[in-house]
């Protein structure tokens, strides 16, 4: 087995992958909690807690946390998704004991000081404003809201001004108590790491985490999905997201799905890139991808184009999707895309950070953890009929379309209904 795994007495999972040829270690402390686990009255609190973990504990204030990491020559950060939160660090291997102590102190003993909360609320509200001023990002929020109008997956990870502006110490402490426990926690590391040393350090510094109950993920219905989400904004470009339900996390069709995504819009030779950008000059950025979740997924195409080109770009997207749904891919196209994806997988495997992310994501999402060779073999085994079956499974569904543009919403909606 290419990795080692230990479950501590309190339910915390430690998983490592050793790389003998490097001196660095990438380590992440993962919690199975994200915006999917929030209610309408506390949306954005997972992301807010991620910020607050750096703002002080019983042992260190915010400056001391930053100073301690930097004194070790470490690179540290964190991120929140819709399904998990990760606090990660990359450092030289002999700094492991001190890194674990700092990260453990942060995730177990943050004070959620009211003064710090007040300041950080303003920081996150500025982050929300920045997102709203970036239409090629914000259009994905519109898309998700229309895609999951009655589910937490449709809400922005970052929250809203009104809700974030109301957070108090009690809100942070209660959410932390409810979700930051051992059954929801995975410590993943890759690089020049000794598994048994890491297990001993986790037992020393993270045994105080209560066992708790692991967050469950249920399948999400799509019967309430909306057709359009349109916003008028003074922009030079129209930003378009066109999508439908895709392949969920852990689904056996995910390998064929990734190949299909790449064929449609995953590279410069992809169908949509060639048709929309190279042959017709209608967009600078155009791509296709899938955002998988447990029990749900979004396949999407993004394009940024001049407002006058919206109908033409959408018609091309629709035509290419219908073509793939009817005929799948050609054999030479499939083989080329396999080599493209496998090449990227092999190149990313040389990064300790990428290996740690793969370990952590697989473990925290309860999906099968495959070796590099096993993953490559999964892609090698995909046949033309698999691509066609997945295309018909995904691309035959009616789309949800989100657009930010300077056009009047009513006029744009009428034009879309005629496509």
Protein backbone atom coordinates (compact mmCIF):
# COMPACT_ATOMS: atom_id res chain seq x y z
CA UNK A 1 0.00 0.00 0.00
CA UNK A 2 1.38 3.41 -0.98
CA UNK A 3 0.03 5.16 2.14
CA UNK A 4 -0.20 4.50 5.88
CA UNK A 5 -3.30 5.16 7.92
CA UNK A 6 -4.06 5.12 11.64
CA UNK A 7 -7.27 5.92 13.46
CA UNK A 8 -6.71 7.28 16.97
CA UNK A 9 -8.80 6.26 19.97
CA UNK A 10 -10.93 9.42 19.67
CA UNK A 11 -11.70 8.68 15.98
CA UNK A 12 -9.26 11.11 14.36
CA UNK A 13 -7.66 9.74 11.17
CA UNK A 14 -3.95 10.17 10.37
CA UNK A 15 -2.90 9.35 6.80
CA UNK A 16 0.53 9.78 5.22
CA UNK A 17 2.38 9.16 1.96
CA UNK A 18 6.16 9.11 2.18
CA UNK A 19 8.40 10.65 -0.50
CA UNK A 20 12.03 9.81 0.25
CA UNK A 21 13.51 12.08 -2.40
CA UNK A 22 12.42 15.39 -0.80
CA UNK A 23 13.17 17.28 2.41
CA UNK A 24 9.80 19.03 2.58
CA UNK A 25 6.49 17.99 4.12
CA UNK A 26 3.01 19.19 3.21
CA UNK A 27 0.53 18.67 6.01
CA UNK A 28 -3.16 19.48 6.28
CA UNK A 29 -5.56 19.34 9.19
CA UNK A 30 -8.93 18.71 7.54
CA UNK A 31 -12.42 18.99 8.99
CA UNK A 32 -15.51 17.63 7.28
CA UNK A 33 -17.45 20.85 7.58
CA UNK A 34 -18.23 23.53 5.01
CA UNK A 35 -21.00 25.81 3.82
CA UNK A 36 -23.12 22.73 3.09
CA UNK A 37 -23.45 22.25 6.85
CA UNK A 38 -24.80 25.72 7.57
CA UNK A 39 -28.30 27.10 7.90
CA UNK A 40 -29.68 30.29 6.41
CA UNK A 41 -29.10 32.05 9.75
CA UNK A 42 -25.37 31.27 9.93
CA UNK A 43 -24.32 30.99 6.27
CA UNK A 44 -20.66 31.82 5.85
CA UNK A 45 -19.66 30.75 9.35
CA UNK A 46 -17.44 27.85 8.19
CA UNK A 47 -15.36 30.30 6.18
CA UNK A 48 -15.47 32.83 9.02
CA UNK A 49 -14.13 30.26 11.49
CA UNK A 50 -11.29 29.52 9.08
CA UNK A 51 -10.28 33.18 9.42
CA UNK A 52 -10.74 33.20 13.19
CA UNK A 53 -8.43 30.22 13.73
CA UNK A 54 -5.52 32.56 12.94
CA UNK A 55 -6.66 35.27 15.38
CA UNK A 56 -5.44 33.95 18.70
CA UNK A 57 -5.48 31.16 21.29
CA UNK A 58 -4.69 30.85 25.00
CA UNK A 59 -1.00 30.58 24.07
CA UNK A 60 -0.63 32.95 21.11
CA UNK A 61 -2.16 36.10 19.72
CA UNK A 62 -2.58 36.55 15.96
CA UNK A 63 0.85 38.12 15.54
CA UNK A 64 2.53 35.27 17.43
CA UNK A 65 0.83 32.67 15.21
CA UNK A 66 2.20 34.35 12.07
CA UNK A 67 5.58 34.90 13.67
CA UNK A 68 5.89 31.28 14.83
CA UNK A 69 5.16 29.91 11.36
CA UNK A 70 7.58 32.32 9.70
CA UNK A 71 10.33 31.56 12.24
CA UNK A 72 10.12 27.95 11.03
CA UNK A 73 10.38 28.92 7.36
CA UNK A 74 6.91 27.48 6.79
CA UNK A 75 4.25 28.37 4.24
CA UNK A 76 0.80 28.23 5.82
CA UNK A 77 -2.75 28.95 4.73
CA UNK A 78 -6.27 27.56 4.85
CA UNK A 79 -9.32 27.19 2.64
CA UNK A 80 -13.02 26.45 3.03
CA UNK A 81 -15.13 24.63 0.47
CA UNK A 82 -18.77 23.64 0.47
CA UNK A 83 -17.93 20.30 2.11
CA UNK A 84 -14.68 20.67 4.06
CA UNK A 85 -12.18 23.06 5.64
CA UNK A 86 -8.41 22.57 5.57
CA UNK A 87 -5.56 24.23 7.49
CA UNK A 88 -2.31 23.38 5.74
CA UNK A 89 1.39 24.02 5.94
CA UNK A 90 4.49 23.23 3.88
CA UNK A 91 7.78 23.07 5.76
CA UNK A 92 11.17 21.42 6.13
CA UNK A 93 10.85 17.92 7.62
CA UNK A 94 12.68 18.59 10.93
CA UNK A 95 10.07 21.23 11.87
CA UNK A 96 7.21 18.71 12.13
CA UNK A 97 6.81 18.70 15.95
CA UNK A 98 6.53 22.48 16.20
CA UNK A 99 4.23 22.74 13.18
CA UNK A 100 1.82 20.19 14.62
CA UNK A 101 1.80 21.97 17.97
CA UNK A 102 0.92 25.32 16.35
CA UNK A 103 -1.80 23.92 14.06
CA UNK A 104 -3.28 21.89 16.90
CA UNK A 105 -3.34 24.94 19.17
CA UNK A 106 -5.19 26.90 16.48
CA UNK A 107 -7.91 24.33 15.75
CA UNK A 108 -8.52 23.27 19.36
CA UNK A 109 -7.99 26.44 21.40
CA UNK A 110 -9.00 29.49 19.36
CA UNK A 111 -10.54 32.10 21.63
CA UNK A 112 -12.98 33.72 19.18
CA UNK A 113 -12.31 37.01 20.93
CA UNK A 114 -15.19 39.42 20.38
CA UNK A 115 -12.92 42.32 19.41
CA UNK A 116 -11.15 40.12 16.83
CA UNK A 117 -14.53 38.95 15.53
CA UNK A 118 -15.58 42.56 15.01
CA UNK A 119 -12.46 43.32 12.98
CA UNK A 120 -12.62 40.10 10.95
CA UNK A 121 -16.27 40.66 10.08
CA UNK A 122 -15.15 43.80 8.24
CA UNK A 123 -12.38 41.89 6.46
CA UNK A 124 -14.82 39.23 5.22
CA UNK A 125 -17.36 41.85 4.17
CA UNK A 126 -14.60 43.41 2.06
CA UNK A 127 -13.96 39.95 0.63
CA UNK A 128 -17.65 39.69 -0.28
CA UNK A 129 -17.48 43.10 -1.97
CA UNK A 130 -14.44 42.03 -3.96
CA UNK A 131 -16.27 38.89 -5.12
CA UNK A 132 -19.28 40.91 -6.25
CA UNK A 133 -16.96 43.23 -8.18
CA UNK A 134 -15.45 40.26 -10.05
CA UNK A 135 -18.21 39.17 -12.45
CA UNK A 136 -16.33 36.19 -13.89
CA UNK A 137 -16.30 34.78 -10.34
CA UNK A 138 -19.66 36.05 -9.14
CA UNK A 139 -21.54 34.52 -12.08
CA UNK A 140 -20.80 31.12 -10.52
CA UNK A 141 -22.64 32.23 -7.37
CA UNK A 142 -25.67 33.09 -9.49
CA UNK A 143 -25.38 29.71 -11.18
CA UNK A 144 -25.23 27.81 -7.88
CA UNK A 145 -28.16 29.74 -6.41
CA UNK A 146 -30.29 28.80 -9.42
CA UNK A 147 -28.97 25.24 -9.45
CA UNK A 148 -29.65 24.54 -5.74
CA UNK A 149 -32.28 27.16 -4.84
CA UNK A 150 -33.49 25.33 -1.71
CA UNK A 151 -30.25 23.69 -0.54
CA UNK A 152 -27.18 24.99 1.28
CA UNK A 153 -24.99 23.99 -1.68
CA UNK A 154 -26.56 26.92 -3.53
CA UNK A 155 -25.38 29.49 -0.98
CA UNK A 156 -22.05 31.31 -1.25
CA UNK A 157 -19.24 29.84 0.85
CA UNK A 158 -18.29 33.32 1.96
CA UNK A 159 -21.79 34.17 3.22
CA UNK A 160 -23.66 37.48 2.95
CA UNK A 161 -23.00 40.90 4.44
CA UNK A 162 -26.07 40.75 6.65
CA UNK A 163 -25.36 37.34 8.17
CA UNK A 164 -21.57 37.70 8.48
CA UNK A 165 -22.08 41.12 10.05
CA UNK A 166 -24.13 39.51 12.82
CA UNK A 167 -21.61 36.87 13.98
CA UNK A 168 -20.75 36.92 17.69
CA UNK A 169 -18.50 34.89 19.97
CA UNK A 170 -21.35 32.53 20.90
CA UNK A 171 -22.06 31.74 17.22
CA UNK A 172 -18.43 30.84 16.53
CA UNK A 173 -18.01 28.80 19.71
CA UNK A 174 -21.22 26.84 19.13
CA UNK A 175 -20.36 25.99 15.51
CA UNK A 176 -16.84 24.97 16.52
CA UNK A 177 -18.15 22.69 19.26
CA UNK A 178 -20.67 21.08 16.92
CA UNK A 179 -18.32 20.34 14.01
CA UNK A 180 -14.68 20.53 15.09
CA UNK A 181 -14.34 17.09 16.62
CA UNK A 182 -12.21 14.03 15.99
CA UNK A 183 -14.66 12.01 13.88
CA UNK A 184 -14.78 14.94 11.44
CA UNK A 185 -10.98 15.38 11.43
CA UNK A 186 -8.27 14.00 9.13
CA UNK A 187 -4.58 14.84 9.40
CA UNK A 188 -2.98 14.19 6.00
CA UNK A 189 0.72 14.57 5.18
CA UNK A 190 2.98 13.89 2.23
CA UNK A 191 6.73 14.21 1.81
CA UNK A 192 9.65 13.20 4.00
CA UNK A 193 7.33 12.15 6.80
CA UNK A 194 7.54 9.40 9.39
CA UNK A 195 4.04 8.07 9.93
CA UNK A 196 4.59 6.81 13.46
CA UNK A 197 6.10 10.12 14.54
CA UNK A 198 3.11 12.00 13.18
CA UNK A 199 0.69 9.62 14.91
CA UNK A 200 2.49 10.15 18.23
CA UNK A 201 2.35 13.94 17.80
CA UNK A 202 -1.36 13.84 16.95
CA UNK A 203 -1.97 11.73 20.05
CA UNK A 204 -0.11 14.34 22.08
CA UNK A 205 -1.71 17.47 20.67
CA UNK A 206 -5.09 16.44 19.21
CA UNK A 207 -6.32 13.82 21.69
CA UNK A 208 -8.32 16.57 23.40
CA UNK A 209 -10.70 16.72 20.43
CA UNK A 210 -13.95 14.99 21.48
CA UNK A 211 -15.02 12.04 19.36
CA UNK A 212 -18.27 13.53 18.07
CA UNK A 213 -20.34 12.26 15.15
CA UNK A 214 -19.12 12.42 11.54
CA UNK A 215 -21.16 14.68 9.28
CA UNK A 216 -23.24 12.72 6.78
CA UNK A 217 -23.93 13.74 3.20
CA UNK A 218 -27.27 12.95 1.59
CA UNK A 219 -28.13 13.01 -2.11
CA UNK A 220 -29.50 16.34 -3.30
CA UNK A 221 -32.60 16.54 -5.47
CA UNK A 222 -32.55 18.63 -8.65
CA UNK A 223 -36.29 18.95 -9.23
CA UNK A 224 -36.30 22.58 -7.99
CA UNK A 225 -33.48 23.69 -10.30
CA UNK A 226 -34.20 27.01 -12.02
CA UNK A 227 -33.71 27.69 -15.72
CA UNK A 228 -32.14 31.16 -15.64
CA UNK A 229 -30.30 33.47 -13.26
CA UNK A 230 -29.64 36.83 -14.89
CA UNK A 231 -28.05 40.00 -13.53
CA UNK A 232 -27.64 43.40 -15.12
CA UNK A 233 -24.26 44.97 -14.34
CA UNK A 234 -22.18 47.64 -16.07
CA UNK A 235 -19.58 45.34 -17.59
CA UNK A 236 -17.74 45.26 -20.91
CA UNK A 237 -18.22 41.51 -21.24
CA UNK A 238 -21.12 39.16 -20.67
CA UNK A 239 -20.14 36.31 -18.36
CA UNK A 240 -21.98 33.06 -19.07
CA UNK A 241 -22.27 29.79 -17.15
CA UNK A 242 -24.25 27.02 -18.86
CA UNK A 243 -24.62 23.77 -16.94
CA UNK A 244 -26.52 20.75 -15.72
CA UNK A 245 -26.13 17.98 -13.08
CA UNK A 246 -22.82 16.16 -13.48
CA UNK A 247 -21.00 13.20 -11.94
CA UNK A 248 -20.91 13.20 -8.09
CA UNK A 249 -17.88 12.55 -5.92
CA UNK A 250 -16.88 8.89 -5.89
CA UNK A 251 -19.09 7.88 -8.83
CA UNK A 252 -17.46 5.24 -11.06
CA UNK A 253 -18.26 7.39 -14.09
CA UNK A 254 -15.99 10.18 -12.83
CA UNK A 255 -13.05 9.08 -14.99
CA UNK A 256 -15.09 9.06 -18.19
CA UNK A 257 -16.65 12.33 -17.04
CA UNK A 258 -13.26 13.99 -16.63
CA UNK A 259 -12.27 12.90 -20.12
CA UNK A 260 -15.51 14.27 -21.52
CA UNK A 261 -15.01 17.60 -19.69
CA UNK A 262 -11.53 17.87 -21.18
CA UNK A 263 -12.75 17.07 -24.69
CA UNK A 264 -15.39 19.77 -24.49
CA UNK A 265 -13.46 22.54 -22.78
CA UNK A 266 -10.36 21.40 -20.91
CA UNK A 267 -7.55 22.62 -23.12
CA UNK A 268 -6.59 24.65 -26.16
CA UNK A 269 -7.48 21.79 -28.51
CA UNK A 270 -10.89 21.23 -26.87
CA UNK A 271 -14.02 21.54 -28.97
CA UNK A 272 -15.45 24.66 -27.32
CA UNK A 273 -12.10 26.48 -27.22
CA UNK A 274 -11.57 25.79 -30.91
CA UNK A 275 -15.09 26.69 -32.02
CA UNK A 276 -15.68 29.75 -29.85
CA UNK A 277 -12.22 31.28 -29.55
CA UNK A 278 -9.94 29.99 -32.29
CA UNK A 279 -12.34 29.75 -35.24
CA UNK A 280 -14.70 32.65 -34.45
CA UNK A 281 -12.86 34.91 -31.99
CA UNK A 282 -15.93 35.24 -29.78
CA UNK A 283 -14.23 34.85 -26.39
CA UNK A 284 -10.88 35.01 -24.66
CA UNK A 285 -11.79 32.59 -21.84
CA UNK A 286 -13.93 29.51 -22.46
CA UNK A 287 -13.75 26.22 -20.58
CA UNK A 288 -15.77 23.30 -19.23
CA UNK A 289 -15.44 21.43 -15.95
CA UNK A 290 -17.34 19.63 -13.19
CA UNK A 291 -17.78 20.63 -9.55
CA UNK A 292 -18.48 17.32 -7.77
CA UNK A 293 -20.03 16.99 -4.32
CA UNK A 294 -21.24 14.04 -2.27
CA UNK A 295 -24.62 13.12 -3.76
CA UNK A 296 -24.63 16.06 -6.19
CA UNK A 297 -22.59 17.67 -8.95
CA UNK A 298 -22.50 20.55 -11.41
CA UNK A 299 -21.17 20.22 -14.95
CA UNK A 300 -20.66 23.68 -16.46
CA UNK A 301 -19.31 25.64 -19.39
CA UNK A 302 -18.02 29.18 -18.81
CA UNK A 303 -17.50 31.81 -21.51
CA UNK A 304 -16.80 35.53 -21.41
CA UNK A 305 -17.92 37.40 -24.52
CA UNK A 306 -19.24 40.75 -25.74
CA UNK A 307 -22.95 41.19 -24.98
CA UNK A 308 -23.82 41.19 -28.68
CA UNK A 309 -22.38 37.68 -28.98
CA UNK A 310 -24.36 36.01 -26.17
CA UNK A 311 -26.85 34.22 -28.43
CA UNK A 312 -24.17 32.99 -30.83
CA UNK A 313 -21.93 31.69 -28.03
CA UNK A 314 -24.83 29.91 -26.35
CA UNK A 315 -25.87 28.36 -29.68
CA UNK A 316 -22.36 26.98 -30.18
CA UNK A 317 -22.28 25.58 -26.63
CA UNK A 318 -25.65 23.93 -27.20
CA UNK A 319 -24.56 22.48 -30.56
CA UNK A 320 -21.32 21.04 -29.20
CA UNK A 321 -23.09 19.50 -26.22
CA UNK A 322 -25.73 17.94 -28.48
CA UNK A 323 -23.02 16.59 -30.79
CA UNK A 324 -21.20 14.94 -27.88
CA UNK A 325 -24.47 13.57 -26.54
CA UNK A 326 -25.36 12.02 -29.90
CA UNK A 327 -21.98 10.77 -31.08
CA UNK A 328 -19.53 10.88 -28.18
CA UNK A 329 -15.86 11.22 -29.17
CA UNK A 330 -13.65 9.92 -31.96
CA UNK A 331 -11.07 7.28 -30.98
CA UNK A 332 -8.07 9.51 -31.77
CA UNK A 333 -9.63 12.34 -29.74
CA UNK A 334 -10.15 10.06 -26.75
CA UNK A 335 -6.58 8.75 -26.85
CA UNK A 336 -5.16 12.27 -27.08
CA UNK A 337 -7.20 13.43 -24.09
CA UNK A 338 -6.15 10.40 -22.05
CA UNK A 339 -2.49 11.30 -22.56
CA UNK A 340 -3.22 14.93 -21.69
CA UNK A 341 -4.88 14.04 -18.37
CA UNK A 342 -2.38 11.32 -17.46
CA UNK A 343 0.49 13.70 -18.14
CA UNK A 344 -0.98 16.27 -15.76
CA UNK A 345 -1.55 13.59 -13.10
CA UNK A 346 2.06 12.41 -13.30
CA UNK A 347 3.44 15.95 -13.18
CA UNK A 348 1.29 16.85 -10.15
CA UNK A 349 2.46 13.70 -8.36
CA UNK A 350 5.90 15.28 -7.97
CA UNK A 351 4.41 17.92 -5.65
CA UNK A 352 4.09 17.16 -1.92
CA UNK A 353 1.21 19.65 -1.73
CA UNK A 354 -0.76 17.93 -4.49
CA UNK A 355 -0.23 14.54 -2.92
CA UNK A 356 -1.39 15.82 0.46
CA UNK A 357 -4.49 17.35 -1.11
CA UNK A 358 -5.29 14.05 -2.83
CA UNK A 359 -4.94 12.13 0.45
CA UNK A 360 -7.01 14.61 2.40
CA UNK A 361 -9.81 15.02 -0.14
CA UNK A 362 -10.22 11.28 -0.60
CA UNK A 363 -10.28 10.60 3.12
CA UNK A 364 -12.53 13.49 4.13
CA UNK A 365 -15.03 12.71 1.35
CA UNK A 366 -15.05 8.94 2.03
CA UNK A 367 -13.92 8.03 -1.50
CA UNK A 368 -11.59 5.29 -2.66
CA UNK A 369 -7.92 6.29 -2.44
CA UNK A 370 -6.12 5.11 -5.56
CA UNK A 371 -2.39 4.95 -6.23
CA UNK A 372 -0.89 6.84 -9.15
CA UNK A 373 -0.76 3.64 -11.23
CA UNK A 374 -4.32 2.69 -10.28
CA UNK A 375 -5.58 6.14 -11.26
CA UNK A 376 -3.82 6.01 -14.61
CA UNK A 377 -5.25 2.56 -15.25
CA UNK A 378 -8.78 3.86 -14.54
CA UNK A 379 -8.34 6.42 -17.32
CA UNK A 380 -6.72 3.91 -19.67
CA UNK A 381 -9.74 1.61 -19.36
CA UNK A 382 -12.31 4.20 -20.46
CA UNK A 383 -13.77 3.22 -23.82
CA UNK A 384 -15.74 5.17 -26.42
CA UNK A 385 -19.00 3.62 -25.24
CA UNK A 386 -18.29 4.84 -21.71
CA UNK A 387 -17.88 8.40 -22.97
CA UNK A 388 -21.13 8.21 -24.96
CA UNK A 389 -23.03 6.75 -21.99
CA UNK A 390 -21.79 9.50 -19.65
CA UNK A 391 -22.49 12.19 -22.25
CA UNK A 392 -26.07 10.97 -22.54
CA UNK A 393 -26.37 10.72 -18.76
CA UNK A 394 -25.25 14.33 -18.25
CA UNK A 395 -25.58 16.36 -21.41
CA UNK A 396 -29.12 15.33 -22.33
CA UNK A 397 -30.50 17.27 -19.36
CA UNK A 398 -31.93 20.78 -19.66
CA UNK A 399 -29.43 23.47 -18.73
CA UNK A 400 -29.39 26.11 -16.04
CA UNK A 401 -27.95 29.35 -17.44
CA UNK A 402 -26.48 32.21 -15.43
CA UNK A 403 -25.40 35.47 -17.09
CA UNK A 404 -24.01 38.77 -15.84
CA UNK A 405 -24.14 41.42 -18.56
CA UNK A 406 -25.10 45.07 -19.18
CA UNK A 407 -28.29 43.95 -20.98
CA UNK A 408 -31.77 44.41 -19.58
CA UNK A 409 -32.81 41.21 -17.81
CA UNK A 410 -36.30 40.96 -19.35
CA UNK A 411 -34.96 41.44 -22.87
CA UNK A 412 -32.19 38.91 -22.32
CA UNK A 413 -34.61 36.36 -20.89
CA UNK A 414 -36.85 36.65 -23.97
CA UNK A 415 -33.84 36.10 -26.22
CA UNK A 416 -32.75 33.04 -24.25
CA UNK A 417 -36.19 31.48 -24.45
CA UNK A 418 -35.93 31.59 -28.25
CA UNK A 419 -32.65 29.64 -28.42
